[in-house]
Amino acid sequence: MTRRLIIVVLFGLIGAGILAGLGFWQLQRLSWKEGVLAEIDTRITAAPVAIPGDPDPEADRYLPVSAEGAFVGDPVRVLVSLQGSGPGYRLIQAFDLGERRVMVDRGFLAERAEAPDLAGPALVIGNLHWPDEVDGFTPDADLGRNIWYARDVDALAAHLGADPILIIARSLSVDDSPVTPLPVSSDGIPNNHLGYAVQWFGLALVWLGMTAFLGWRITRRTA
């Protein structure tokens, strides 16, 4: 075996080993992420509790809660598009608990549908959430048409005169049809580690194939 061929083989094996190692690392990340998602699912579906006095956006994210109060004021409409239903709005409304006001994401309302006016006492069961939907490309709210483009909890709270606490409703004790609740779930949390692992393993195979081809050409020239 010539010196050049030895270098090519070593380089090929080392490169393929690094790529395969990245693939195995992504598999480890996949296992970790699946555990995290399982914990989130367990947390989401746990028995609801009272809203904490001062909930933390990280520690209390997805916390299942139960709240009794009354819807007040007009709901804010947040523009969304729901697969299978087309464009529409999430309805977010202030909810008076007596000692304070929070906000409730009532769910999805189709674009041309009319939302019912909720009055009187109501029981809301859902999960606390602080959606991260605002970035540098998010348009400002169109207050004239009552259309918002993201669930900006702080901005919505200031607009609705409520605390920056958002409950994503799972169920209401009052009839809210045709509004459809959109409860929180782990479905929207990205978990692409398996795809990344396949890519790294594929690159490792390509690297080995290129190494084998180069080695074959070297041996032919030296034969």
C-alpha atoms as a PDB file:
ATOM      1  CA  MET A   1       0.000   0.000   0.000  1.00  0.00           C
ATOM      2  CA  THR A   2       1.454   3.339  -1.059  1.00  0.00           C
ATOM      3  CA  ARG A   3       1.893   6.248   1.311  1.00  0.00           C
ATOM      4  CA  ARG A   4      -0.681   8.271  -0.621  1.00  0.00           C
ATOM      5  CA  LEU A   5      -3.252   5.491  -0.324  1.00  0.00           C
ATOM      6  CA  ILE A   6      -2.630   5.193   3.419  1.00  0.00           C
ATOM      7  CA  ILE A   7      -3.229   8.920   3.866  1.00  0.00           C
ATOM      8  CA  VAL A   8      -6.464   8.752   1.840  1.00  0.00           C
ATOM      9  CA  VAL A   9      -7.751   5.755   3.833  1.00  0.00           C
ATOM     10  CA  LEU A  10      -6.900   7.360   7.189  1.00  0.00           C
ATOM     11  CA  PHE A  11      -8.442  10.661   6.143  1.00  0.00           C
ATOM     12  CA  GLY A  12     -11.558   8.851   4.924  1.00  0.00           C
ATOM     13  CA  LEU A  13     -11.963   6.787   8.097  1.00  0.00           C
ATOM     14  CA  ILE A  14     -11.414   9.767  10.382  1.00  0.00           C
ATOM     15  CA  GLY A  15     -13.859  11.933   8.422  1.00  0.00           C
ATOM     16  CA  ALA A  16     -16.506   9.200   8.333  1.00  0.00           C
ATOM     17  CA  GLY A  17     -15.983   8.597  12.047  1.00  0.00           C
ATOM     18  CA  ILE A  18     -16.552  12.271  12.836  1.00  0.00           C
ATOM     19  CA  LEU A  19     -19.705  12.388  10.704  1.00  0.00           C
ATOM     20  CA  ALA A  20     -21.055   9.175  12.228  1.00  0.00           C
ATOM     21  CA  GLY A  21     -20.265  10.550  15.680  1.00  0.00           C
ATOM     22  CA  LEU A  22     -22.388  13.588  14.941  1.00  0.00           C
ATOM     23  CA  GLY A  23     -25.169  11.233  13.873  1.00  0.00           C
ATOM     24  CA  PHE A  24     -25.013   9.316  17.160  1.00  0.00           C
ATOM     25  CA  TRP A  25     -24.960  12.623  19.044  1.00  0.00           C
ATOM     26  CA  GLN A  26     -28.175  13.623  17.290  1.00  0.00           C
ATOM     27  CA  LEU A  27     -29.721  10.297  18.332  1.00  0.00           C
ATOM     28  CA  GLN A  28     -28.790  11.122  21.935  1.00  0.00           C
ATOM     29  CA  ARG A  29     -30.391  14.546  21.480  1.00  0.00           C
ATOM     30  CA  LEU A  30     -33.477  12.825  20.068  1.00  0.00           C
ATOM     31  CA  SER A  31     -33.796  10.676  23.177  1.00  0.00           C
ATOM     32  CA  TRP A  32     -33.355  13.735  25.393  1.00  0.00           C
ATOM     33  CA  LYS A  33     -35.933  15.764  23.423  1.00  0.00           C
ATOM     34  CA  GLU A  34     -38.476  12.953  23.544  1.00  0.00           C
ATOM     35  CA  GLY A  35     -38.072  12.895  27.323  1.00  0.00           C
ATOM     36  CA  VAL A  36     -38.608  16.656  27.502  1.00  0.00           C
ATOM     37  CA  LEU A  37     -41.740  16.407  25.344  1.00  0.00           C
ATOM     38  CA  ALA A  38     -43.081  13.584  27.493  1.00  0.00           C
ATOM     39  CA  GLU A  39     -42.590  15.744  30.589  1.00  0.00           C
ATOM     40  CA  ILE A  40     -44.397  18.634  28.901  1.00  0.00           C
ATOM     41  CA  ASP A  41     -47.307  16.380  27.894  1.00  0.00           C
ATOM     42  CA  THR A  42     -47.570  15.076  31.453  1.00  0.00           C
ATOM     43  CA  ARG A  43     -47.532  18.622  32.804  1.00  0.00           C
ATOM     44  CA  ILE A  44     -50.149  19.854  30.330  1.00  0.00           C
ATOM     45  CA  THR A  45     -52.636  17.120  31.213  1.00  0.00           C
ATOM     46  CA  ALA A  46     -52.146  17.230  34.996  1.00  0.00           C
ATOM     47  CA  ALA A  47     -54.973  18.206  37.335  1.00  0.00           C
ATOM     48  CA  PRO A  48     -55.652  21.963  37.165  1.00  0.00           C
ATOM     49  CA  VAL A  49     -54.751  24.202  40.096  1.00  0.00           C
ATOM     50  CA  ALA A  50     -55.476  27.812  41.043  1.00  0.00           C
ATOM     51  CA  ILE A  51     -53.535  30.515  39.211  1.00  0.00           C
ATOM     52  CA  PRO A  52     -50.390  31.343  41.210  1.00  0.00           C
ATOM     53  CA  GLY A  53     -50.209  34.807  42.719  1.00  0.00           C
ATOM     54  CA  ASP A  54     -47.166  35.722  40.656  1.00  0.00           C
ATOM     55  CA  PRO A  55     -46.662  33.104  37.945  1.00  0.00           C
ATOM     56  CA  ASP A  56     -43.274  32.794  36.313  1.00  0.00           C
ATOM     57  CA  PRO A  57     -43.200  32.673  32.492  1.00  0.00           C
ATOM     58  CA  GLU A  58     -40.658  29.849  32.535  1.00  0.00           C
ATOM     59  CA  ALA A  59     -41.396  27.834  35.670  1.00  0.00           C
ATOM     60  CA  ASP A  60     -45.180  28.017  35.165  1.00  0.00           C
ATOM     61  CA  ARG A  61     -45.310  27.598  31.403  1.00  0.00           C
ATOM     62  CA  TYR A  62     -48.009  25.005  30.502  1.00  0.00           C
ATOM     63  CA  LEU A  63     -49.250  24.908  34.116  1.00  0.00           C
ATOM     64  CA  PRO A  64     -52.843  23.587  34.086  1.00  0.00           C
ATOM     65  CA  VAL A  65     -55.154  25.997  35.893  1.00  0.00           C
ATOM     66  CA  SER A  66     -58.804  26.446  36.760  1.00  0.00           C
ATOM     67  CA  ALA A  67     -60.294  29.923  37.149  1.00  0.00           C
ATOM     68  CA  GLU A  68     -63.772  31.236  37.928  1.00  0.00           C
ATOM     69  CA  GLY A  69     -64.752  34.732  36.869  1.00  0.00           C
ATOM     70  CA  ALA A  70     -66.452  36.642  34.093  1.00  0.00           C
ATOM     71  CA  PHE A  71     -65.417  37.733  30.612  1.00  0.00           C
ATOM     72  CA  VAL A  72     -65.330  41.508  30.266  1.00  0.00           C
ATOM     73  CA  GLY A  73     -64.924  43.881  27.344  1.00  0.00           C
ATOM     74  CA  ASP A  74     -64.525  42.972  23.703  1.00  0.00           C
ATOM     75  CA  PRO A  75     -62.175  40.191  22.611  1.00  0.00           C
ATOM     76  CA  VAL A  76     -59.010  40.892  20.670  1.00  0.00           C
ATOM     77  CA  ARG A  77     -58.634  39.040  17.372  1.00  0.00           C
ATOM     78  CA  VAL A  78     -55.230  37.524  16.566  1.00  0.00           C
ATOM     79  CA  LEU A  79     -54.887  36.527  12.922  1.00  0.00           C
ATOM     80  CA  VAL A  80     -54.113  32.828  12.366  1.00  0.00           C
ATOM     81  CA  SER A  81     -54.610  30.167   9.722  1.00  0.00           C
ATOM     82  CA  LEU A  82     -55.784  26.761  10.885  1.00  0.00           C
ATOM     83  CA  GLN A  83     -55.084  23.722   8.722  1.00  0.00           C
ATOM     84  CA  GLY A  84     -58.354  22.374   7.396  1.00  0.00           C
ATOM     85  CA  SER A  85     -60.289  25.492   8.423  1.00  0.00           C
ATOM     86  CA  GLY A  86     -58.525  28.287   6.584  1.00  0.00           C
ATOM     87  CA  PRO A  87     -57.947  31.815   7.910  1.00  0.00           C
ATOM     88  CA  GLY A  88     -59.492  33.085  11.095  1.00  0.00           C
ATOM     89  CA  TYR A  89     -58.688  34.512  14.482  1.00  0.00           C
ATOM     90  CA  ARG A  90     -57.759  33.519  17.981  1.00  0.00           C
ATOM     91  CA  LEU A  91     -60.061  35.350  20.372  1.00  0.00           C
ATOM     92  CA  ILE A  92     -58.331  36.707  23.468  1.00  0.00           C
ATOM     93  CA  GLN A  93     -60.431  38.408  26.105  1.00  0.00           C
ATOM     94  CA  ALA A  94     -60.004  39.849  29.568  1.00  0.00           C
ATOM     95  CA  PHE A  95     -61.312  37.624  32.355  1.00  0.00           C
ATOM     96  CA  ASP A  96     -62.228  39.244  35.664  1.00  0.00           C
ATOM     97  CA  LEU A  97     -61.423  37.116  38.701  1.00  0.00           C
ATOM     98  CA  GLY A  98     -62.618  39.739  41.148  1.00  0.00           C
ATOM     99  CA  GLU A  99     -59.280  40.607  42.704  1.00  0.00           C
ATOM    100  CA  ARG A 100     -57.552  40.919  39.327  1.00  0.00           C
ATOM    101  CA  ARG A 101     -57.955  40.399  35.611  1.00  0.00           C
ATOM    102  CA  VAL A 102     -56.152  37.875  33.457  1.00  0.00           C
ATOM    103  CA  MET A 103     -56.581  36.957  29.798  1.00  0.00           C
ATOM    104  CA  VAL A 104     -58.152  33.909  28.182  1.00  0.00           C
ATOM    105  CA  ASP A 105     -57.393  32.600  24.704  1.00  0.00           C
ATOM    106  CA  ARG A 106     -60.873  31.289  23.891  1.00  0.00           C
ATOM    107  CA  GLY A 107     -59.781  29.528  20.695  1.00  0.00           C
ATOM    108  CA  PHE A 108     -60.278  29.733  16.930  1.00  0.00           C
ATOM    109  CA  LEU A 109     -63.024  31.619  15.144  1.00  0.00           C
ATOM    110  CA  ALA A 110     -63.384  31.276  11.365  1.00  0.00           C
ATOM    111  CA  GLU A 111     -62.896  34.513   9.424  1.00  0.00           C
ATOM    112  CA  ARG A 112     -66.555  35.119   8.565  1.00  0.00           C
ATOM    113  CA  ALA A 113     -68.110  33.654  11.707  1.00  0.00           C
ATOM    114  CA  GLU A 114     -69.617  35.715  14.504  1.00  0.00           C
ATOM    115  CA  ALA A 115     -68.305  35.310  18.043  1.00  0.00           C
ATOM    116  CA  PRO A 116     -70.856  35.011  20.843  1.00  0.00           C
ATOM    117  CA  ASP A 117     -70.893  37.616  23.594  1.00  0.00           C
ATOM    118  CA  LEU A 118     -70.011  35.795  26.788  1.00  0.00           C
ATOM    119  CA  ALA A 119     -71.668  37.284  29.855  1.00  0.00           C
ATOM    120  CA  GLY A 120     -72.115  36.145  33.416  1.00  0.00           C
ATOM    121  CA  PRO A 121     -69.963  33.813  35.501  1.00  0.00           C
ATOM    122  CA  ALA A 122     -67.818  31.218  33.775  1.00  0.00           C
ATOM    123  CA  LEU A 123     -65.319  28.529  34.678  1.00  0.00           C
ATOM    124  CA  VAL A 124     -62.215  28.290  32.512  1.00  0.00           C
ATOM    125  CA  ILE A 125     -59.910  25.285  32.505  1.00  0.00           C
ATOM    126  CA  GLY A 126     -56.717  25.575  30.537  1.00  0.00           C
ATOM    127  CA  ASN A 127     -52.971  26.108  30.666  1.00  0.00           C
ATOM    128  CA  LEU A 128     -50.818  29.137  31.320  1.00  0.00           C
ATOM    129  CA  HIS A 129     -48.670  30.081  28.376  1.00  0.00           C
ATOM    130  CA  TRP A 130     -46.398  32.881  27.195  1.00  0.00           C
ATOM    131  CA  PRO A 131     -46.178  32.298  23.419  1.00  0.00           C
ATOM    132  CA  ASP A 132     -42.984  33.439  21.717  1.00  0.00           C
ATOM    133  CA  GLU A 133     -44.523  34.715  18.482  1.00  0.00           C
ATOM    134  CA  VAL A 134     -43.087  38.213  18.093  1.00  0.00           C
ATOM    135  CA  ASP A 135     -40.001  38.933  16.005  1.00  0.00           C
ATOM    136  CA  GLY A 136     -38.617  41.776  13.936  1.00  0.00           C
ATOM    137  CA  PHE A 137     -41.003  40.987  11.060  1.00  0.00           C
ATOM    138  CA  THR A 138     -44.222  41.016  13.110  1.00  0.00           C
ATOM    139  CA  PRO A 139     -46.464  43.920  11.995  1.00  0.00           C
ATOM    140  CA  ASP A 140     -47.925  46.271  14.558  1.00  0.00           C
ATOM    141  CA  ALA A 141     -51.478  45.567  15.612  1.00  0.00           C
ATOM    142  CA  ASP A 142     -54.191  47.156  13.490  1.00  0.00           C
ATOM    143  CA  LEU A 143     -56.231  48.596  16.326  1.00  0.00           C
ATOM    144  CA  GLY A 144     -58.731  50.185  13.958  1.00  0.00           C
ATOM    145  CA  ARG A 145     -59.784  46.787  12.633  1.00  0.00           C
ATOM    146  CA  ASN A 146     -58.986  44.964  15.891  1.00  0.00           C
ATOM    147  CA  ILE A 147     -56.502  42.648  14.217  1.00  0.00           C
ATOM    148  CA  TRP A 148     -53.309  41.537  15.918  1.00  0.00           C
ATOM    149  CA  TYR A 149     -50.602  39.469  14.286  1.00  0.00           C
ATOM    150  CA  ALA A 150     -49.108  37.701  17.299  1.00  0.00           C
ATOM    151  CA  ARG A 151     -49.948  36.855  20.876  1.00  0.00           C
ATOM    152  CA  ASP A 152     -47.723  39.420  22.546  1.00  0.00           C
ATOM    153  CA  VAL A 153     -48.739  38.825  26.161  1.00  0.00           C
ATOM    154  CA  ASP A 154     -47.389  42.095  27.554  1.00  0.00           C
ATOM    155  CA  ALA A 155     -48.883  44.241  24.782  1.00  0.00           C
ATOM    156  CA  LEU A 156     -52.215  42.431  24.963  1.00  0.00           C
ATOM    157  CA  ALA A 157     -52.322  42.833  28.733  1.00  0.00           C
ATOM    158  CA  ALA A 158     -51.727  46.566  28.468  1.00  0.00           C
ATOM    159  CA  HIS A 159     -54.408  46.868  25.794  1.00  0.00           C
ATOM    160  CA  LEU A 160     -56.990  44.822  27.728  1.00  0.00           C
ATOM    161  CA  GLY A 161     -56.183  46.244  31.150  1.00  0.00           C
ATOM    162  CA  ALA A 162     -55.187  42.862  32.548  1.00  0.00           C
ATOM    163  CA  ASP A 163     -52.213  41.202  34.174  1.00  0.00           C
ATOM    164  CA  PRO A 164     -49.758  39.614  31.704  1.00  0.00           C
ATOM    165  CA  ILE A 165     -51.188  36.167  32.392  1.00  0.00           C
ATOM    166  CA  LEU A 166     -52.671  34.204  29.502  1.00  0.00           C
ATOM    167  CA  ILE A 167     -54.787  31.069  29.912  1.00  0.00           C
ATOM    168  CA  ILE A 168     -55.117  28.938  26.785  1.00  0.00           C
ATOM    169  CA  ALA A 169     -58.590  27.492  27.259  1.00  0.00           C
ATOM    170  CA  ARG A 170     -59.179  23.763  27.107  1.00  0.00           C
ATOM    171  CA  SER A 171     -62.810  24.051  28.088  1.00  0.00           C
ATOM    172  CA  LEU A 172     -65.358  26.649  29.187  1.00  0.00           C
ATOM    173  CA  SER A 173     -68.413  26.125  31.351  1.00  0.00           C
ATOM    174  CA  VAL A 174     -70.438  28.270  28.930  1.00  0.00           C
ATOM    175  CA  ASP A 175     -71.336  27.662  25.295  1.00  0.00           C
ATOM    176  CA  ASP A 176     -68.764  29.428  23.114  1.00  0.00           C
ATOM    177  CA  SER A 177     -69.597  27.901  19.738  1.00  0.00           C
ATOM    178  CA  PRO A 178     -68.618  28.443  16.966  1.00  0.00           C
ATOM    179  CA  VAL A 179     -65.336  29.245  18.709  1.00  0.00           C
ATOM    180  CA  THR A 180     -63.150  26.115  18.846  1.00  0.00           C
ATOM    181  CA  PRO A 181     -60.671  25.799  21.732  1.00  0.00           C
ATOM    182  CA  LEU A 182     -57.049  25.367  20.648  1.00  0.00           C
ATOM    183  CA  PRO A 183     -55.463  23.929  23.799  1.00  0.00           C
ATOM    184  CA  VAL A 184     -51.703  23.878  24.183  1.00  0.00           C
ATOM    185  CA  SER A 185     -49.832  20.733  23.252  1.00  0.00           C
ATOM    186  CA  SER A 186     -46.294  19.647  22.498  1.00  0.00           C
ATOM    187  CA  ASP A 187     -47.116  19.142  18.802  1.00  0.00           C
ATOM    188  CA  GLY A 188     -45.760  22.529  17.802  1.00  0.00           C
ATOM    189  CA  ILE A 189     -42.432  22.082  19.592  1.00  0.00           C
ATOM    190  CA  PRO A 190     -39.802  21.182  16.958  1.00  0.00           C
ATOM    191  CA  ASN A 191     -38.031  17.849  17.239  1.00  0.00           C
ATOM    192  CA  ASN A 192     -35.853  17.424  14.147  1.00  0.00           C
ATOM    193  CA  HIS A 193     -33.026  15.397  15.672  1.00  0.00           C
ATOM    194  CA  LEU A 194     -33.907  12.171  13.836  1.00  0.00           C
ATOM    195  CA  GLY A 195     -33.732  13.981  10.504  1.00  0.00           C
ATOM    196  CA  TYR A 196     -30.391  15.512  11.446  1.00  0.00           C
ATOM    197  CA  ALA A 197     -29.071  12.078  12.460  1.00  0.00           C
ATOM    198  CA  VAL A 198     -30.083  10.591   9.103  1.00  0.00           C
ATOM    199  CA  GLN A 199     -28.313  13.446   7.322  1.00  0.00           C
ATOM    200  CA  TRP A 200     -25.073  12.929   9.267  1.00  0.00           C
ATOM    201  CA  PHE A 201     -25.131   9.160   8.712  1.00  0.00           C
ATOM    202  CA  GLY A 202     -25.834   9.745   5.035  1.00  0.00           C
ATOM    203  CA  LEU A 203     -22.863  12.103   4.779  1.00  0.00           C
ATOM    204  CA  ALA A 204     -20.692   9.490   6.502  1.00  0.00           C
ATOM    205  CA  LEU A 205     -21.680   6.915   3.861  1.00  0.00           C
ATOM    206  CA  VAL A 206     -21.010   9.399   1.059  1.00  0.00           C
ATOM    207  CA  TRP A 207     -17.604  10.180   2.607  1.00  0.00           C
ATOM    208  CA  LEU A 208     -16.738   6.481   2.740  1.00  0.00           C
ATOM    209  CA  GLY A 209     -17.913   6.050  -0.843  1.00  0.00           C
ATOM    210  CA  MET A 210     -15.744   8.917  -2.029  1.00  0.00           C
ATOM    211  CA  THR A 211     -12.798   7.524  -0.088  1.00  0.00           C
ATOM    212  CA  ALA A 212     -13.266   4.091  -1.642  1.00  0.00           C
ATOM    213  CA  PHE A 213     -13.490   5.603  -5.127  1.00  0.00           C
ATOM    214  CA  LEU A 214     -10.349   7.681  -4.598  1.00  0.00           C
ATOM    215  CA  GLY A 215      -8.511   4.670  -3.198  1.00  0.00           C
ATOM    216  CA  TRP A 216      -9.568   2.591  -6.199  1.00  0.00           C
ATOM    217  CA  ARG A 217      -8.211   5.230  -8.584  1.00  0.00           C
ATOM    218  CA  ILE A 218      -4.910   5.375  -6.704  1.00  0.00           C
ATOM    219  CA  THR A 219      -4.482   1.590  -6.832  1.00  0.00           C
ATOM    220  CA  ARG A 220      -5.217   1.562 -10.558  1.00  0.00           C
ATOM    221  CA  ARG A 221      -2.574   4.187 -11.235  1.00  0.00           C
ATOM    222  CA  THR A 222       0.043   2.361  -9.200  1.00  0.00           C
ATOM    223  CA  ALA A 223      -0.791  -1.092 -10.535  1.00  0.00           C
END
